[in-house]
Amino acid sequence: NVTLPEPDWSPQRIAEHMAGFNRGTVISTAIHEAYPGHYTQFL
C-alpha cells in the first residue's frame, strides 16, 4: 500500500507529501516493505 496525495490537497501539501517519496526513499521504502523487509519476513 502506498498513500497518494488527496485530490483536495493544496500544491504545497502535495509537494511536501511527495518529498517523502524521492528517489532515495522510494528505494528504502521498497526494501522496508517488500524485499527483503516485511513481505519476505512475513512469508
PDB file of all heavy atoms in Angstrom:
ATOM      1  N   ASN A   1       0.826  -1.207   0.000  1.00  0.00           N
ATOM      2  CA  ASN A   1       0.000   0.000   0.000  1.00  0.00           C
ATOM      3  C   ASN A   1       0.858   1.254   0.000  1.00  0.00           C
ATOM      4  O   ASN A   1       1.790   1.366   0.802  1.00  0.00           O
ATOM      5  CB  ASN A   1      -0.909   0.027   1.239  1.00  0.00           C
ATOM      6  CG  ASN A   1      -1.796  -1.194   1.333  1.00  0.00           C
ATOM      7  OD1 ASN A   1      -2.402  -1.611   0.352  1.00  0.00           O
ATOM      8  ND2 ASN A   1      -1.869  -1.792   2.519  1.00  0.00           N
ATOM      9  N   VAL A   2       0.536   2.196  -0.864  1.00  0.00           N
ATOM     10  CA  VAL A   2       1.239   3.475  -0.941  1.00  0.00           C
ATOM     11  C   VAL A   2       0.202   4.593  -0.907  1.00  0.00           C
ATOM     12  O   VAL A   2      -0.798   4.551  -1.637  1.00  0.00           O
ATOM     13  CB  VAL A   2       2.089   3.577  -2.215  1.00  0.00           C
ATOM     14  CG1 VAL A   2       2.759   4.943  -2.311  1.00  0.00           C
ATOM     15  CG2 VAL A   2       3.146   2.469  -2.252  1.00  0.00           C
ATOM     16  N   THR A   3       0.423   5.582  -0.041  1.00  0.00           N
ATOM     17  CA  THR A   3      -0.531   6.679   0.130  1.00  0.00           C
ATOM     18  C   THR A   3      -0.257   7.778  -0.883  1.00  0.00           C
ATOM     19  O   THR A   3       0.814   8.403  -0.873  1.00  0.00           O
ATOM     20  CB  THR A   3      -0.450   7.253   1.555  1.00  0.00           C
ATOM     21  OG1 THR A   3      -0.668   6.194   2.489  1.00  0.00           O
ATOM     22  CG2 THR A   3      -1.499   8.333   1.760  1.00  0.00           C
ATOM     23  N   LEU A   4      -1.217   8.013  -1.761  1.00  0.00           N
ATOM     24  CA  LEU A   4      -1.115   9.060  -2.775  1.00  0.00           C
ATOM     25  C   LEU A   4      -1.725  10.358  -2.241  1.00  0.00           C
ATOM     26  O   LEU A   4      -2.545  10.341  -1.316  1.00  0.00           O
ATOM     27  CB  LEU A   4      -1.838   8.641  -4.049  1.00  0.00           C
ATOM     28  CG  LEU A   4      -1.400   7.312  -4.682  1.00  0.00           C
ATOM     29  CD1 LEU A   4      -2.196   7.042  -5.960  1.00  0.00           C
ATOM     30  CD2 LEU A   4       0.086   7.322  -4.986  1.00  0.00           C
ATOM     31  N   PRO A   5      -1.357  11.514  -2.815  1.00  0.00           N
ATOM     32  CA  PRO A   5      -1.975  12.774  -2.390  1.00  0.00           C
ATOM     33  C   PRO A   5      -3.482  12.760  -2.650  1.00  0.00           C
ATOM     34  O   PRO A   5      -3.952  12.165  -3.625  1.00  0.00           O
ATOM     35  CB  PRO A   5      -1.281  13.827  -3.268  1.00  0.00           C
ATOM     36  CG  PRO A   5      -0.013  13.185  -3.716  1.00  0.00           C
ATOM     37  CD  PRO A   5      -0.301  11.725  -3.828  1.00  0.00           C
ATOM     38  N   GLU A   6      -4.230  13.399  -1.768  1.00  0.00           N
ATOM     39  CA  GLU A   6      -5.674  13.509  -1.944  1.00  0.00           C
ATOM     40  C   GLU A   6      -5.993  14.605  -2.966  1.00  0.00           C
ATOM     41  O   GLU A   6      -5.253  15.582  -3.101  1.00  0.00           O
ATOM     42  CB  GLU A   6      -6.348  13.844  -0.607  1.00  0.00           C
ATOM     43  CG  GLU A   6      -6.170  12.770   0.463  1.00  0.00           C
ATOM     44  CD  GLU A   6      -6.958  11.510   0.179  1.00  0.00           C
ATOM     45  OE1 GLU A   6      -7.789  11.512  -0.750  1.00  0.00           O
ATOM     46  OE2 GLU A   6      -6.740  10.505   0.886  1.00  0.00           O
ATOM     47  N   PRO A   7      -7.103  14.466  -3.709  1.00  0.00           N
ATOM     48  CA  PRO A   7      -7.437  15.440  -4.754  1.00  0.00           C
ATOM     49  C   PRO A   7      -7.629  16.868  -4.247  1.00  0.00           C
ATOM     50  O   PRO A   7      -7.396  17.825  -4.997  1.00  0.00           O
ATOM     51  CB  PRO A   7      -8.750  14.891  -5.334  1.00  0.00           C
ATOM     52  CG  PRO A   7      -8.753  13.437  -4.987  1.00  0.00           C
ATOM     53  CD  PRO A   7      -8.045  13.341  -3.668  1.00  0.00           C
ATOM     54  N   ASP A   8      -8.059  17.020  -2.987  1.00  0.00           N
ATOM     55  CA  ASP A   8      -8.350  18.367  -2.484  1.00  0.00           C
ATOM     56  C   ASP A   8      -7.162  19.013  -1.780  1.00  0.00           C
ATOM     57  O   ASP A   8      -7.299  20.084  -1.182  1.00  0.00           O
ATOM     58  CB  ASP A   8      -9.557  18.329  -1.540  1.00  0.00           C
ATOM     59  CG  ASP A   8      -9.328  17.418  -0.329  1.00  0.00           C
ATOM     60  OD1 ASP A   8      -8.337  16.655  -0.331  1.00  0.00           O
ATOM     61  OD2 ASP A   8     -10.137  17.486   0.612  1.00  0.00           O
ATOM     62  N   TRP A   9      -5.975  18.409  -1.820  1.00  0.00           N
ATOM     63  CA  TRP A   9      -4.815  18.997  -1.171  1.00  0.00           C
ATOM     64  C   TRP A   9      -4.293  20.195  -1.948  1.00  0.00           C
ATOM     65  O   TRP A   9      -4.399  20.249  -3.179  1.00  0.00           O
ATOM     66  CB  TRP A   9      -3.701  17.957  -1.047  1.00  0.00           C
ATOM     67  CG  TRP A   9      -3.914  16.943   0.032  1.00  0.00           C
ATOM     68  CD1 TRP A   9      -5.002  16.828   0.855  1.00  0.00           C
ATOM     69  CD2 TRP A   9      -3.020  15.880   0.390  1.00  0.00           C
ATOM     70  NE1 TRP A   9      -4.841  15.764   1.709  1.00  0.00           N
ATOM     71  CE2 TRP A   9      -3.642  15.174   1.454  1.00  0.00           C
ATOM     72  CE3 TRP A   9      -1.792  15.471  -0.068  1.00  0.00           C
ATOM     73  CZ2 TRP A   9      -3.045  14.073   2.053  1.00  0.00           C
ATOM     74  CZ3 TRP A   9      -1.184  14.373   0.516  1.00  0.00           C
ATOM     75  CH2 TRP A   9      -1.810  13.671   1.570  1.00  0.00           C
ATOM     76  N   SER A  10      -3.670  21.115  -1.223  1.00  0.00           N
ATOM     77  CA  SER A  10      -3.036  22.270  -1.852  1.00  0.00           C
ATOM     78  C   SER A  10      -1.746  21.823  -2.551  1.00  0.00           C
ATOM     79  O   SER A  10      -1.168  20.787  -2.200  1.00  0.00           O
ATOM     80  CB  SER A  10      -2.700  23.330  -0.804  1.00  0.00           C
ATOM     81  OG  SER A  10      -1.676  22.849   0.067  1.00  0.00           O
ATOM     82  N   PRO A  11      -1.273  22.603  -3.531  1.00  0.00           N
ATOM     83  CA  PRO A  11       0.002  22.249  -4.193  1.00  0.00           C
ATOM     84  C   PRO A  11       1.159  22.120  -3.207  1.00  0.00           C
ATOM     85  O   PRO A  11       2.017  21.238  -3.373  1.00  0.00           O
ATOM     86  CB  PRO A  11       0.222  23.412  -5.162  1.00  0.00           C
ATOM     87  CG  PRO A  11      -1.161  23.911  -5.470  1.00  0.00           C
ATOM     88  CD  PRO A  11      -1.922  23.744  -4.186  1.00  0.00           C
ATOM     89  N   GLN A  12       1.179  22.963  -2.167  1.00  0.00           N
ATOM     90  CA  GLN A  12       2.263  22.889  -1.190  1.00  0.00           C
ATOM     91  C   GLN A  12       2.211  21.580  -0.416  1.00  0.00           C
ATOM     92  O   GLN A  12       3.240  20.924  -0.204  1.00  0.00           O
ATOM     93  CB  GLN A  12       2.201  24.065  -0.217  1.00  0.00           C
ATOM     94  CG  GLN A  12       3.303  24.014   0.849  1.00  0.00           C
ATOM     95  CD  GLN A  12       3.229  25.172   1.825  1.00  0.00           C
ATOM     96  OE1 GLN A  12       2.479  26.118   1.627  1.00  0.00           O
ATOM     97  NE2 GLN A  12       4.007  25.096   2.897  1.00  0.00           N
ATOM     98  N   ARG A  13       0.999  21.182  -0.004  1.00  0.00           N
ATOM     99  CA  ARG A  13       0.885  19.944   0.755  1.00  0.00           C
ATOM    100  C   ARG A  13       1.250  18.733  -0.108  1.00  0.00           C
ATOM    101  O   ARG A  13       1.886  17.791   0.362  1.00  0.00           O
ATOM    102  CB  ARG A  13      -0.532  19.784   1.306  1.00  0.00           C
ATOM    103  CG  ARG A  13      -0.674  18.598   2.251  1.00  0.00           C
ATOM    104  CD  ARG A  13      -2.052  18.522   2.877  1.00  0.00           C
ATOM    105  NE  ARG A  13      -2.152  17.379   3.780  1.00  0.00           N
ATOM    106  CZ  ARG A  13      -3.267  16.984   4.379  1.00  0.00           C
ATOM    107  NH1 ARG A  13      -4.397  17.650   4.176  1.00  0.00           N
ATOM    108  NH2 ARG A  13      -3.281  15.932   5.174  1.00  0.00           N
ATOM    109  N   ILE A  14       0.869  18.779  -1.381  1.00  0.00           N
ATOM    110  CA  ILE A  14       1.228  17.689  -2.290  1.00  0.00           C
ATOM    111  C   ILE A  14       2.742  17.600  -2.431  1.00  0.00           C
ATOM    112  O   ILE A  14       3.332  16.514  -2.372  1.00  0.00           O
ATOM    113  CB  ILE A  14       0.560  17.892  -3.664  1.00  0.00           C
ATOM    114  CG1 ILE A  14      -0.953  17.704  -3.551  1.00  0.00           C
ATOM    115  CG2 ILE A  14       1.139  16.912  -4.693  1.00  0.00           C
ATOM    116  CD1 ILE A  14      -1.708  18.040  -4.824  1.00  0.00           C
ATOM    117  N   ALA A  15       3.391  18.772  -2.590  1.00  0.00           N
ATOM    118  CA  ALA A  15       4.846  18.783  -2.745  1.00  0.00           C
ATOM    119  C   ALA A  15       5.539  18.241  -1.498  1.00  0.00           C
ATOM    120  O   ALA A  15       6.510  17.474  -1.585  1.00  0.00           O
ATOM    121  CB  ALA A  15       5.324  20.204  -3.043  1.00  0.00           C
ATOM    122  N   GLU A  16       5.039  18.623  -0.315  1.00  0.00           N
ATOM    123  CA  GLU A  16       5.638  18.136   0.926  1.00  0.00           C
ATOM    124  C   GLU A  16       5.423  16.633   1.077  1.00  0.00           C
ATOM    125  O   GLU A  16       6.311  15.907   1.543  1.00  0.00           O
ATOM    126  CB  GLU A  16       5.049  18.885   2.123  1.00  0.00           C
ATOM    127  CG  GLU A  16       5.491  20.341   2.212  1.00  0.00           C
ATOM    128  CD  GLU A  16       4.919  21.037   3.435  1.00  0.00           C
ATOM    129  OE1 GLU A  16       4.028  20.450   4.082  1.00  0.00           O
ATOM    130  OE2 GLU A  16       5.357  22.154   3.731  1.00  0.00           O
ATOM    131  N   HIS A  17       4.241  16.159   0.694  1.00  0.00           N
ATOM    132  CA  HIS A  17       3.965  14.727   0.772  1.00  0.00           C
ATOM    133  C   HIS A  17       4.884  13.956  -0.168  1.00  0.00           C
ATOM    134  O   HIS A  17       5.481  12.940   0.215  1.00  0.00           O
ATOM    135  CB  HIS A  17       2.499  14.476   0.403  1.00  0.00           C
ATOM    136  CG  HIS A  17       2.104  13.027   0.427  1.00  0.00           C
ATOM    137  ND1 HIS A  17       1.759  12.367   1.576  1.00  0.00           N
ATOM    138  CD2 HIS A  17       2.013  12.096  -0.575  1.00  0.00           C
ATOM    139  CE1 HIS A  17       1.460  11.111   1.303  1.00  0.00           C
ATOM    140  NE2 HIS A  17       1.607  10.924   0.005  1.00  0.00           N
ATOM    141  N   MET A  18       5.019  14.431  -1.390  1.00  0.00           N
ATOM    142  CA  MET A  18       5.832  13.729  -2.379  1.00  0.00           C
ATOM    143  C   MET A  18       7.323  13.814  -2.071  1.00  0.00           C
ATOM    144  O   MET A  18       8.104  12.996  -2.577  1.00  0.00           O
ATOM    145  CB  MET A  18       5.545  14.276  -3.776  1.00  0.00           C
ATOM    146  CG  MET A  18       4.135  13.973  -4.279  1.00  0.00           C
ATOM    147  SD  MET A  18       3.716  12.205  -4.253  1.00  0.00           S
ATOM    148  CE  MET A  18       4.928  11.550  -5.410  1.00  0.00           C
ATOM    149  N   ALA A  19       7.719  14.801  -1.234  1.00  0.00           N
ATOM    150  CA  ALA A  19       9.125  14.853  -0.805  1.00  0.00           C
ATOM    151  C   ALA A  19       9.515  13.590  -0.054  1.00  0.00           C
ATOM    152  O   ALA A  19      10.684  13.185  -0.039  1.00  0.00           O
ATOM    153  CB  ALA A  19       9.370  16.085   0.066  1.00  0.00           C
ATOM    154  N   GLY A  20       8.533  12.940   0.575  1.00  0.00           N
ATOM    155  CA  GLY A  20       8.785  11.681   1.265  1.00  0.00           C
ATOM    156  C   GLY A  20       8.916  10.489   0.334  1.00  0.00           C
ATOM    157  O   GLY A  20       9.207   9.381   0.777  1.00  0.00           O
ATOM    158  N   PHE A  21       8.696  10.713  -0.970  1.00  0.00           N
ATOM    159  CA  PHE A  21       8.828   9.654  -1.972  1.00  0.00           C
ATOM    160  C   PHE A  21       9.834  10.070  -3.040  1.00  0.00           C
ATOM    161  O   PHE A  21       9.567  10.005  -4.231  1.00  0.00           O
ATOM    162  CB  PHE A  21       7.470   9.354  -2.618  1.00  0.00           C
ATOM    163  CG  PHE A  21       6.484   8.685  -1.707  1.00  0.00           C
ATOM    164  CD1 PHE A  21       5.298   9.304  -1.363  1.00  0.00           C
ATOM    165  CD2 PHE A  21       6.744   7.428  -1.197  1.00  0.00           C
ATOM    166  CE1 PHE A  21       4.375   8.682  -0.541  1.00  0.00           C
ATOM    167  CE2 PHE A  21       5.826   6.794  -0.364  1.00  0.00           C
ATOM    168  CZ  PHE A  21       4.639   7.422  -0.030  1.00  0.00           C
ATOM    169  N   ASN A  22      10.985  10.540  -2.586  1.00  0.00           N
ATOM    170  CA  ASN A  22      12.033  10.886  -3.539  1.00  0.00           C
ATOM    171  C   ASN A  22      12.752   9.623  -4.005  1.00  0.00           C
ATOM    172  O   ASN A  22      12.445   8.509  -3.559  1.00  0.00           O
ATOM    173  CB  ASN A  22      12.998  11.903  -2.927  1.00  0.00           C
ATOM    174  CG  ASN A  22      13.669  11.377  -1.675  1.00  0.00           C
ATOM    175  OD1 ASN A  22      14.455  10.447  -1.716  1.00  0.00           O
ATOM    176  ND2 ASN A  22      13.343  11.980  -0.532  1.00  0.00           N
ATOM    177  N   ARG A  23      13.722   9.797  -4.890  1.00  0.00           N
ATOM    178  CA  ARG A  23      14.398   8.643  -5.485  1.00  0.00           C
ATOM    179  C   ARG A  23      15.052   7.763  -4.429  1.00  0.00           C
ATOM    180  O   ARG A  23      15.064   6.528  -4.541  1.00  0.00           O
ATOM    181  CB  ARG A  23      15.436   9.121  -6.495  1.00  0.00           C
ATOM    182  CG  ARG A  23      16.050   8.004  -7.311  1.00  0.00           C
ATOM    183  CD  ARG A  23      16.697   8.543  -8.578  1.00  0.00           C
ATOM    184  NE  ARG A  23      17.833   9.401  -8.290  1.00  0.00           N
ATOM    185  CZ  ARG A  23      19.089   8.959  -8.149  1.00  0.00           C
ATOM    186  NH1 ARG A  23      19.335   7.662  -8.240  1.00  0.00           N
ATOM    187  NH2 ARG A  23      20.076   9.785  -7.921  1.00  0.00           N
ATOM    188  N   GLY A  24      15.595   8.391  -3.387  1.00  0.00           N
ATOM    189  CA  GLY A  24      16.238   7.612  -2.336  1.00  0.00           C
ATOM    190  C   GLY A  24      15.254   6.888  -1.445  1.00  0.00           C
ATOM    191  O   GLY A  24      15.425   5.705  -1.133  1.00  0.00           O
ATOM    192  N   THR A  25      14.186   7.593  -1.027  1.00  0.00           N
ATOM    193  CA  THR A  25      13.244   6.966  -0.099  1.00  0.00           C
ATOM    194  C   THR A  25      12.302   5.987  -0.790  1.00  0.00           C
ATOM    195  O   THR A  25      11.739   5.108  -0.135  1.00  0.00           O
ATOM    196  CB  THR A  25      12.443   8.033   0.671  1.00  0.00           C
ATOM    197  OG1 THR A  25      11.865   8.954  -0.251  1.00  0.00           O
ATOM    198  CG2 THR A  25      13.341   8.802   1.633  1.00  0.00           C
ATOM    199  N   VAL A  26      12.096   6.115  -2.100  1.00  0.00           N
ATOM    200  CA  VAL A  26      11.346   5.081  -2.811  1.00  0.00           C
ATOM    201  C   VAL A  26      12.087   3.744  -2.694  1.00  0.00           C
ATOM    202  O   VAL A  26      11.485   2.693  -2.426  1.00  0.00           O
ATOM    203  CB  VAL A  26      11.136   5.469  -4.295  1.00  0.00           C
ATOM    204  CG1 VAL A  26      10.738   4.242  -5.126  1.00  0.00           C
ATOM    205  CG2 VAL A  26      10.058   6.533  -4.416  1.00  0.00           C
ATOM    206  N   ILE A  27      13.419   3.792  -2.858  1.00  0.00           N
ATOM    207  CA  ILE A  27      14.209   2.563  -2.730  1.00  0.00           C
ATOM    208  C   ILE A  27      14.144   2.024  -1.300  1.00  0.00           C
ATOM    209  O   ILE A  27      13.864   0.840  -1.075  1.00  0.00           O
ATOM    210  CB  ILE A  27      15.674   2.818  -3.124  1.00  0.00           C
ATOM    211  CG1 ILE A  27      15.782   3.240  -4.589  1.00  0.00           C
ATOM    212  CG2 ILE A  27      16.528   1.574  -2.848  1.00  0.00           C
ATOM    213  CD1 ILE A  27      15.341   2.196  -5.578  1.00  0.00           C
ATOM    214  N   SER A  28      14.391   2.881  -0.313  1.00  0.00           N
ATOM    215  CA  SER A  28      14.413   2.397   1.067  1.00  0.00           C
ATOM    216  C   SER A  28      13.037   1.910   1.496  1.00  0.00           C
ATOM    217  O   SER A  28      12.914   0.943   2.257  1.00  0.00           O
ATOM    218  CB  SER A  28      14.930   3.481   2.020  1.00  0.00           C
ATOM    219  OG  SER A  28      14.108   4.628   1.998  1.00  0.00           O
ATOM    220  N   THR A  29      11.958   2.555   1.010  1.00  0.00           N
ATOM    221  CA  THR A  29      10.602   2.106   1.350  1.00  0.00           C
ATOM    222  C   THR A  29      10.304   0.754   0.718  1.00  0.00           C
ATOM    223  O   THR A  29       9.697  -0.124   1.351  1.00  0.00           O
ATOM    224  CB  THR A  29       9.561   3.154   0.896  1.00  0.00           C
ATOM    225  OG1 THR A  29       9.844   4.407   1.518  1.00  0.00           O
ATOM    226  CG2 THR A  29       8.157   2.714   1.266  1.00  0.00           C
ATOM    227  N   ALA A  30      10.728   0.558  -0.534  1.00  0.00           N
ATOM    228  CA  ALA A  30      10.509  -0.737  -1.187  1.00  0.00           C
ATOM    229  C   ALA A  30      11.295  -1.843  -0.492  1.00  0.00           C
ATOM    230  O   ALA A  30      10.799  -2.971  -0.337  1.00  0.00           O
ATOM    231  CB  ALA A  30      10.910  -0.642  -2.657  1.00  0.00           C
ATOM    232  N   ILE A  31      12.504  -1.538  -0.063  1.00  0.00           N
ATOM    233  CA  ILE A  31      13.292  -2.510   0.711  1.00  0.00           C
ATOM    234  C   ILE A  31      12.576  -2.829   2.017  1.00  0.00           C
ATOM    235  O   ILE A  31      12.425  -3.992   2.398  1.00  0.00           O
ATOM    236  CB  ILE A  31      14.696  -1.946   0.993  1.00  0.00           C
ATOM    237  CG1 ILE A  31      15.519  -1.870  -0.297  1.00  0.00           C
ATOM    238  CG2 ILE A  31      15.430  -2.808   2.033  1.00  0.00           C
ATOM    239  CD1 ILE A  31      16.832  -1.118  -0.147  1.00  0.00           C
ATOM    240  N   HIS A  32      12.122  -1.790   2.708  1.00  0.00           N
ATOM    241  CA  HIS A  32      11.484  -1.927   4.019  1.00  0.00           C
ATOM    242  C   HIS A  32      10.203  -2.768   3.924  1.00  0.00           C
ATOM    243  O   HIS A  32       9.994  -3.696   4.705  1.00  0.00           O
ATOM    244  CB  HIS A  32      11.165  -0.531   4.556  1.00  0.00           C
ATOM    245  CG  HIS A  32      10.474  -0.510   5.869  1.00  0.00           C
ATOM    246  ND1 HIS A  32      11.104  -0.143   7.038  1.00  0.00           N
ATOM    247  CD2 HIS A  32       9.193  -0.802   6.234  1.00  0.00           C
ATOM    248  CE1 HIS A  32      10.251  -0.206   8.047  1.00  0.00           C
ATOM    249  NE2 HIS A  32       9.076  -0.602   7.573  1.00  0.00           N
ATOM    250  N   GLU A  33       9.353  -2.424   2.966  1.00  0.00           N
ATOM    251  CA  GLU A  33       8.035  -3.063   2.911  1.00  0.00           C
ATOM    252  C   GLU A  33       8.060  -4.436   2.242  1.00  0.00           C
ATOM    253  O   GLU A  33       7.264  -5.308   2.586  1.00  0.00           O
ATOM    254  CB  GLU A  33       7.036  -2.160   2.166  1.00  0.00           C
ATOM    255  CG  GLU A  33       6.817  -0.786   2.805  1.00  0.00           C
ATOM    256  CD  GLU A  33       6.176  -0.853   4.187  1.00  0.00           C
ATOM    257  OE1 GLU A  33       5.636  -1.925   4.543  1.00  0.00           O
ATOM    258  OE2 GLU A  33       6.206   0.152   4.905  1.00  0.00           O
ATOM    259  N   ALA A  34       8.968  -4.627   1.265  1.00  0.00           N
ATOM    260  CA  ALA A  34       8.883  -5.840   0.449  1.00  0.00           C
ATOM    261  C   ALA A  34      10.138  -6.698   0.482  1.00  0.00           C
ATOM    262  O   ALA A  34      10.159  -7.780   1.075  1.00  0.00           O
ATOM    263  CB  ALA A  34       8.545  -5.443  -1.000  1.00  0.00           C
ATOM    264  N   TYR A  35      11.192  -6.252  -0.178  1.00  0.00           N
ATOM    265  CA  TYR A  35      12.373  -7.083  -0.394  1.00  0.00           C
ATOM    266  C   TYR A  35      13.626  -6.444   0.169  1.00  0.00           C
ATOM    267  O   TYR A  35      14.081  -5.439  -0.344  1.00  0.00           O
ATOM    268  CB  TYR A  35      12.580  -7.329  -1.890  1.00  0.00           C
ATOM    269  CG  TYR A  35      11.492  -8.104  -2.575  1.00  0.00           C
ATOM    270  CD1 TYR A  35      10.903  -7.614  -3.734  1.00  0.00           C
ATOM    271  CD2 TYR A  35      11.051  -9.334  -2.084  1.00  0.00           C
ATOM    272  CE1 TYR A  35       9.907  -8.324  -4.393  1.00  0.00           C
ATOM    273  CE2 TYR A  35      10.054 -10.053  -2.738  1.00  0.00           C
ATOM    274  CZ  TYR A  35       9.489  -9.537  -3.896  1.00  0.00           C
ATOM    275  OH  TYR A  35       8.511 -10.248  -4.537  1.00  0.00           O
ATOM    276  N   PRO A  36      14.214  -6.984   1.234  1.00  0.00           N
ATOM    277  CA  PRO A  36      13.835  -8.203   1.963  1.00  0.00           C
ATOM    278  C   PRO A  36      13.123  -7.895   3.275  1.00  0.00           C
ATOM    279  O   PRO A  36      13.303  -8.605   4.250  1.00  0.00           O
ATOM    280  CB  PRO A  36      15.191  -8.843   2.223  1.00  0.00           C
ATOM    281  CG  PRO A  36      16.083  -7.660   2.511  1.00  0.00           C
ATOM    282  CD  PRO A  36      15.582  -6.547   1.618  1.00  0.00           C
ATOM    283  N   GLY A  37      12.309  -6.824   3.318  1.00  0.00           N
ATOM    284  CA  GLY A  37      11.680  -6.380   4.552  1.00  0.00           C
ATOM    285  C   GLY A  37      10.441  -7.170   4.933  1.00  0.00           C
ATOM    286  O   GLY A  37      10.450  -8.397   4.972  1.00  0.00           O
ATOM    287  N   HIS A  38       9.333  -6.441   5.196  1.00  0.00           N
ATOM    288  CA  HIS A  38       8.146  -7.073   5.779  1.00  0.00           C
ATOM    289  C   HIS A  38       7.626  -8.262   4.968  1.00  0.00           C
ATOM    290  O   HIS A  38       7.312  -9.314   5.527  1.00  0.00           O
ATOM    291  CB  HIS A  38       7.027  -6.046   5.918  1.00  0.00           C
ATOM    292  CG  HIS A  38       7.282  -4.990   6.940  1.00  0.00           C
ATOM    293  ND1 HIS A  38       7.909  -5.245   8.141  1.00  0.00           N
ATOM    294  CD2 HIS A  38       6.982  -3.658   6.948  1.00  0.00           C
ATOM    295  CE1 HIS A  38       7.989  -4.130   8.843  1.00  0.00           C
ATOM    296  NE2 HIS A  38       7.445  -3.161   8.142  1.00  0.00           N
ATOM    297  N   TYR A  39       7.483  -8.088   3.658  1.00  0.00           N
ATOM    298  CA  TYR A  39       6.894  -9.160   2.853  1.00  0.00           C
ATOM    299  C   TYR A  39       7.705 -10.444   2.990  1.00  0.00           C
ATOM    300  O   TYR A  39       7.157 -11.524   3.247  1.00  0.00           O
ATOM    301  CB  TYR A  39       6.802  -8.717   1.395  1.00  0.00           C
ATOM    302  CG  TYR A  39       6.218  -9.748   0.461  1.00  0.00           C
ATOM    303  CD1 TYR A  39       5.031 -10.419   0.780  1.00  0.00           C
ATOM    304  CD2 TYR A  39       6.825 -10.057  -0.749  1.00  0.00           C
ATOM    305  CE1 TYR A  39       4.488 -11.359  -0.070  1.00  0.00           C
ATOM    306  CE2 TYR A  39       6.279 -10.997  -1.612  1.00  0.00           C
ATOM    307  CZ  TYR A  39       5.113 -11.647  -1.267  1.00  0.00           C
ATOM    308  OH  TYR A  39       4.572 -12.583  -2.120  1.00  0.00           O
ATOM    309  N   THR A  40       9.006 -10.322   2.839  1.00  0.00           N
ATOM    310  CA  THR A  40       9.863 -11.502   2.938  1.00  0.00           C
ATOM    311  C   THR A  40       9.798 -12.116   4.332  1.00  0.00           C
ATOM    312  O   THR A  40       9.672 -13.336   4.492  1.00  0.00           O
ATOM    313  CB  THR A  40      11.320 -11.118   2.596  1.00  0.00           C
ATOM    314  OG1 THR A  40      11.352 -10.510   1.313  1.00  0.00           O
ATOM    315  CG2 THR A  40      12.218 -12.340   2.611  1.00  0.00           C
ATOM    316  N   GLN A  41       9.865 -11.271   5.358  1.00  0.00           N
ATOM    317  CA  GLN A  41       9.837 -11.790   6.723  1.00  0.00           C
ATOM    318  C   GLN A  41       8.518 -12.485   7.046  1.00  0.00           C
ATOM    319  O   GLN A  41       8.497 -13.575   7.628  1.00  0.00           O
ATOM    320  CB  GLN A  41      10.082 -10.673   7.737  1.00  0.00           C
ATOM    321  CG  GLN A  41      10.140 -11.197   9.176  1.00  0.00           C
ATOM    322  CD  GLN A  41      10.318 -10.101  10.201  1.00  0.00           C
ATOM    323  OE1 GLN A  41      10.035  -8.933   9.923  1.00  0.00           O
ATOM    324  NE2 GLN A  41      10.797 -10.444  11.370  1.00  0.00           N
ATOM    325  N   PHE A  42       7.397 -11.876   6.654  1.00  0.00           N
ATOM    326  CA  PHE A  42       6.101 -12.469   6.995  1.00  0.00           C
ATOM    327  C   PHE A  42       5.858 -13.766   6.222  1.00  0.00           C
ATOM    328  O   PHE A  42       5.116 -14.641   6.690  1.00  0.00           O
ATOM    329  CB  PHE A  42       4.978 -11.473   6.742  1.00  0.00           C
ATOM    330  CG  PHE A  42       5.021 -10.286   7.679  1.00  0.00           C
ATOM    331  CD1 PHE A  42       4.493  -9.062   7.298  1.00  0.00           C
ATOM    332  CD2 PHE A  42       5.616 -10.380   8.929  1.00  0.00           C
ATOM    333  CE1 PHE A  42       4.543  -7.969   8.148  1.00  0.00           C
ATOM    334  CE2 PHE A  42       5.669  -9.299   9.787  1.00  0.00           C
ATOM    335  CZ  PHE A  42       5.125  -8.085   9.401  1.00  0.00           C
ATOM    336  N   LEU A  43       6.464 -13.905   5.040  1.00  0.00           N
ATOM    337  CA  LEU A  43       6.395 -15.193   4.356  1.00  0.00           C
ATOM    338  C   LEU A  43       7.110 -16.277   5.172  1.00  0.00           C
ATOM    339  O   LEU A  43       6.658 -17.425   5.233  1.00  0.00           O
ATOM    340  CB  LEU A  43       7.023 -15.089   2.960  1.00  0.00           C
ATOM    341  CG  LEU A  43       6.228 -14.308   1.915  1.00  0.00           C
ATOM    342  CD1 LEU A  43       7.056 -14.127   0.648  1.00  0.00           C
ATOM    343  CD2 LEU A  43       4.901 -14.982   1.588  1.00  0.00           C
TER     344      LEU A  43
END
